[in-house]
Amino acid sequence: MGNISYKLWEAKMSRADRKTIVGEVASVLHILHNFVKKHLSDENFDRLKWRIDWTLTELLWISKKVSVWVGGCGLVYL
């Protein structure tokens, strides 16, 4: 998560906004990690595919929020 925070800092994003974005990314990845641990042993690959797709959608949504951030004006939630 440090690299994400650093890149957002380089883009001059406020600390509060960086913490929000890093927290959202960490949460999504934590959910995926726990889900994979549970369902990999079950060999429930359909559920794994569904969770991976969900994770990618969530990360895309987060990236869209970051992309509309404009020079210190804060995050714009679409």
N, C-alpha and C. Protein backbone atom coordinates (compact mmCIF):
# COMPACT_ATOMS: atom_id res chain seq x y z
N MET A 1 0.81 -1.18 0.00
CA MET A 1 0.00 0.00 0.00
C MET A 1 0.86 1.26 0.00
N GLY A 2 2.11 1.11 0.43
CA GLY A 2 3.01 2.25 0.49
C GLY A 2 3.24 2.88 -0.87
N ASN A 3 3.36 2.05 -1.92
CA ASN A 3 3.58 2.59 -3.26
C ASN A 3 2.38 3.40 -3.72
N ILE A 4 1.19 2.93 -3.40
CA ILE A 4 -0.02 3.67 -3.79
C ILE A 4 -0.03 5.02 -3.09
N SER A 5 0.22 5.01 -1.81
CA SER A 5 0.23 6.25 -1.04
C SER A 5 1.29 7.21 -1.57
N TYR A 6 2.46 6.69 -1.89
CA TYR A 6 3.54 7.53 -2.40
C TYR A 6 3.15 8.17 -3.73
N LYS A 7 2.59 7.38 -4.62
CA LYS A 7 2.19 7.92 -5.94
C LYS A 7 1.11 8.98 -5.79
N LEU A 8 0.18 8.77 -4.87
CA LEU A 8 -0.85 9.78 -4.63
C LEU A 8 -0.24 11.03 -4.01
N TRP A 9 0.75 10.85 -3.13
CA TRP A 9 1.46 11.99 -2.56
C TRP A 9 2.18 12.78 -3.65
N GLU A 10 2.84 12.05 -4.57
CA GLU A 10 3.52 12.71 -5.69
C GLU A 10 2.54 13.55 -6.52
N ALA A 11 1.29 13.08 -6.60
CA ALA A 11 0.26 13.79 -7.36
C ALA A 11 -0.34 14.94 -6.55
N LYS A 12 0.24 15.19 -5.36
CA LYS A 12 -0.20 16.29 -4.50
C LYS A 12 -1.58 16.09 -3.89
N MET A 13 -1.95 14.85 -3.67
CA MET A 13 -3.23 14.55 -3.03
C MET A 13 -3.08 14.75 -1.53
N SER A 14 -4.12 15.26 -0.90
CA SER A 14 -4.06 15.50 0.54
C SER A 14 -3.91 14.18 1.31
N ARG A 15 -3.40 14.30 2.52
CA ARG A 15 -3.20 13.10 3.34
C ARG A 15 -4.53 12.39 3.62
N ALA A 16 -5.57 13.15 3.90
CA ALA A 16 -6.88 12.55 4.18
C ALA A 16 -7.40 11.78 2.98
N ASP A 17 -7.24 12.34 1.79
CA ASP A 17 -7.69 11.65 0.58
C ASP A 17 -6.85 10.41 0.30
N ARG A 18 -5.53 10.53 0.54
CA ARG A 18 -4.66 9.35 0.36
C ARG A 18 -5.06 8.23 1.29
N LYS A 19 -5.32 8.57 2.55
CA LYS A 19 -5.73 7.56 3.53
C LYS A 19 -7.04 6.89 3.11
N THR A 20 -7.96 7.68 2.56
CA THR A 20 -9.23 7.12 2.10
C THR A 20 -9.02 6.12 0.98
N ILE A 21 -8.26 6.50 -0.02
CA ILE A 21 -8.02 5.63 -1.18
C ILE A 21 -7.26 4.38 -0.76
N VAL A 22 -6.18 4.54 -0.01
CA VAL A 22 -5.39 3.38 0.42
C VAL A 22 -6.24 2.45 1.27
N GLY A 23 -7.07 3.00 2.12
CA GLY A 23 -7.96 2.18 2.94
C GLY A 23 -8.95 1.39 2.11
N GLU A 24 -9.50 2.02 1.08
CA GLU A 24 -10.45 1.32 0.21
C GLU A 24 -9.77 0.19 -0.55
N VAL A 25 -8.57 0.46 -1.09
CA VAL A 25 -7.83 -0.58 -1.82
C VAL A 25 -7.47 -1.73 -0.88
N ALA A 26 -6.97 -1.40 0.30
CA ALA A 26 -6.59 -2.43 1.26
C ALA A 26 -7.80 -3.29 1.65
N SER A 27 -8.94 -2.67 1.84
CA SER A 27 -10.15 -3.40 2.22
C SER A 27 -10.56 -4.38 1.12
N VAL A 28 -10.57 -3.92 -0.11
CA VAL A 28 -10.95 -4.78 -1.23
C VAL A 28 -9.99 -5.96 -1.36
N LEU A 29 -8.70 -5.70 -1.24
CA LEU A 29 -7.71 -6.78 -1.36
C LEU A 29 -7.77 -7.74 -0.17
N HIS A 30 -8.08 -7.24 1.00
CA HIS A 30 -8.22 -8.09 2.18
C HIS A 30 -9.41 -9.04 2.02
N ILE A 31 -10.50 -8.53 1.50
CA ILE A 31 -11.68 -9.36 1.24
C ILE A 31 -11.33 -10.46 0.25
N LEU A 32 -10.63 -10.11 -0.83
CA LEU A 32 -10.24 -11.11 -1.83
C LEU A 32 -9.32 -12.15 -1.20
N HIS A 33 -8.35 -11.72 -0.43
CA HIS A 33 -7.40 -12.64 0.20
C HIS A 33 -8.13 -13.67 1.06
N ASN A 34 -9.02 -13.20 1.92
CA ASN A 34 -9.76 -14.12 2.79
C ASN A 34 -10.67 -15.04 2.00
N PHE A 35 -11.29 -14.53 0.97
CA PHE A 35 -12.19 -15.32 0.14
C PHE A 35 -11.42 -16.44 -0.56
N VAL A 36 -10.25 -16.11 -1.10
CA VAL A 36 -9.44 -17.11 -1.80
C VAL A 36 -9.00 -18.20 -0.82
N LYS A 37 -8.57 -17.81 0.37
CA LYS A 37 -8.16 -18.81 1.36
C LYS A 37 -9.29 -19.78 1.66
N LYS A 38 -10.51 -19.28 1.74
CA LYS A 38 -11.65 -20.13 2.08
C LYS A 38 -12.06 -21.02 0.91
N HIS A 39 -12.21 -20.45 -0.26
CA HIS A 39 -12.82 -21.19 -1.37
C HIS A 39 -11.83 -21.96 -2.23
N LEU A 40 -10.54 -21.67 -2.11
CA LEU A 40 -9.56 -22.44 -2.88
C LEU A 40 -9.53 -23.88 -2.38
N SER A 41 -9.59 -24.06 -1.07
CA SER A 41 -9.59 -25.42 -0.53
C SER A 41 -10.88 -26.16 -0.86
N ASP A 42 -11.99 -25.41 -1.04
CA ASP A 42 -13.26 -26.01 -1.43
C ASP A 42 -13.31 -26.36 -2.91
N GLU A 43 -12.34 -25.84 -3.66
CA GLU A 43 -12.31 -25.97 -5.12
C GLU A 43 -13.57 -25.40 -5.76
N ASN A 44 -14.08 -24.34 -5.16
CA ASN A 44 -15.26 -23.67 -5.68
C ASN A 44 -14.79 -22.56 -6.62
N PHE A 45 -14.40 -22.95 -7.84
CA PHE A 45 -13.77 -22.02 -8.77
C PHE A 45 -14.75 -21.01 -9.36
N ASP A 46 -16.02 -21.37 -9.43
CA ASP A 46 -17.02 -20.40 -9.92
C ASP A 46 -17.13 -19.23 -8.95
N ARG A 47 -17.15 -19.51 -7.65
CA ARG A 47 -17.21 -18.44 -6.65
C ARG A 47 -15.92 -17.61 -6.66
N LEU A 48 -14.78 -18.28 -6.87
CA LEU A 48 -13.52 -17.55 -6.96
C LEU A 48 -13.52 -16.59 -8.14
N LYS A 49 -14.00 -17.07 -9.28
CA LYS A 49 -14.07 -16.20 -10.45
C LYS A 49 -14.99 -15.02 -10.19
N TRP A 50 -16.12 -15.29 -9.54
CA TRP A 50 -17.04 -14.21 -9.22
C TRP A 50 -16.37 -13.16 -8.32
N ARG A 51 -15.63 -13.60 -7.30
CA ARG A 51 -14.98 -12.67 -6.38
C ARG A 51 -13.87 -11.90 -7.07
N ILE A 52 -13.14 -12.55 -7.94
CA ILE A 52 -12.09 -11.85 -8.69
C ILE A 52 -12.71 -10.78 -9.57
N ASP A 53 -13.80 -11.11 -10.24
CA ASP A 53 -14.50 -10.12 -11.07
C ASP A 53 -15.00 -8.96 -10.22
N TRP A 54 -15.55 -9.26 -9.04
CA TRP A 54 -16.03 -8.22 -8.12
C TRP A 54 -14.87 -7.32 -7.70
N THR A 55 -13.73 -7.93 -7.38
CA THR A 55 -12.56 -7.17 -6.95
C THR A 55 -12.09 -6.23 -8.05
N LEU A 56 -12.03 -6.73 -9.27
CA LEU A 56 -11.60 -5.89 -10.39
C LEU A 56 -12.57 -4.72 -10.60
N THR A 57 -13.86 -4.98 -10.45
CA THR A 57 -14.86 -3.91 -10.57
C THR A 57 -14.66 -2.86 -9.48
N GLU A 58 -14.44 -3.30 -8.25
CA GLU A 58 -14.22 -2.36 -7.15
C GLU A 58 -12.95 -1.54 -7.36
N LEU A 59 -11.87 -2.19 -7.80
CA LEU A 59 -10.63 -1.46 -8.05
C LEU A 59 -10.79 -0.46 -9.20
N LEU A 60 -11.56 -0.82 -10.20
CA LEU A 60 -11.84 0.11 -11.30
C LEU A 60 -12.62 1.32 -10.78
N TRP A 61 -13.59 1.08 -9.92
CA TRP A 61 -14.37 2.17 -9.34
C TRP A 61 -13.46 3.11 -8.53
N ILE A 62 -12.57 2.54 -7.74
CA ILE A 62 -11.64 3.35 -6.97
C ILE A 62 -10.73 4.16 -7.90
N SER A 63 -10.25 3.53 -8.96
CA SER A 63 -9.37 4.24 -9.89
C SER A 63 -10.10 5.38 -10.59
N LYS A 64 -11.39 5.22 -10.84
CA LYS A 64 -12.16 6.31 -11.43
C LYS A 64 -12.28 7.48 -10.47
N LYS A 65 -12.44 7.18 -9.18
CA LYS A 65 -12.51 8.26 -8.19
C LYS A 65 -11.18 9.01 -8.15
N VAL A 66 -10.08 8.29 -8.23
CA VAL A 66 -8.77 8.93 -8.20
C VAL A 66 -8.56 9.75 -9.47
N SER A 67 -9.01 9.25 -10.59
CA SER A 67 -8.77 9.94 -11.85
C SER A 67 -9.53 11.25 -11.96
N VAL A 68 -10.62 11.41 -11.21
CA VAL A 68 -11.36 12.66 -11.26
C VAL A 68 -10.93 13.62 -10.16
N TRP A 69 -9.98 13.18 -9.35
CA TRP A 69 -9.44 14.07 -8.33
C TRP A 69 -8.70 15.19 -9.04
N VAL A 70 -8.98 16.41 -8.65
CA VAL A 70 -8.37 17.54 -9.35
C VAL A 70 -7.60 18.40 -8.36
N GLY A 71 -6.33 18.58 -8.61
CA GLY A 71 -5.42 19.44 -7.87
C GLY A 71 -5.86 20.00 -6.54
N GLY A 72 -6.02 19.17 -5.54
CA GLY A 72 -6.30 19.64 -4.20
C GLY A 72 -7.76 19.90 -3.91
N CYS A 73 -8.62 19.65 -4.86
CA CYS A 73 -10.06 19.91 -4.66
C CYS A 73 -10.75 18.76 -3.93
N GLY A 74 -10.03 17.71 -3.69
CA GLY A 74 -10.63 16.56 -3.00
C GLY A 74 -11.15 15.53 -3.98
N LEU A 75 -11.63 14.46 -3.44
CA LEU A 75 -12.16 13.39 -4.28
C LEU A 75 -13.57 13.71 -4.71
N VAL A 76 -13.87 13.35 -5.91
CA VAL A 76 -15.23 13.51 -6.43
C VAL A 76 -15.81 12.12 -6.59
N TYR A 77 -16.84 11.83 -5.84
CA TYR A 77 -17.46 10.52 -5.92
C TYR A 77 -18.54 10.57 -6.99
N LEU A 78 -18.37 9.73 -8.00
CA LEU A 78 -19.29 9.73 -9.14
C LEU A 78 -20.63 9.15 -8.77
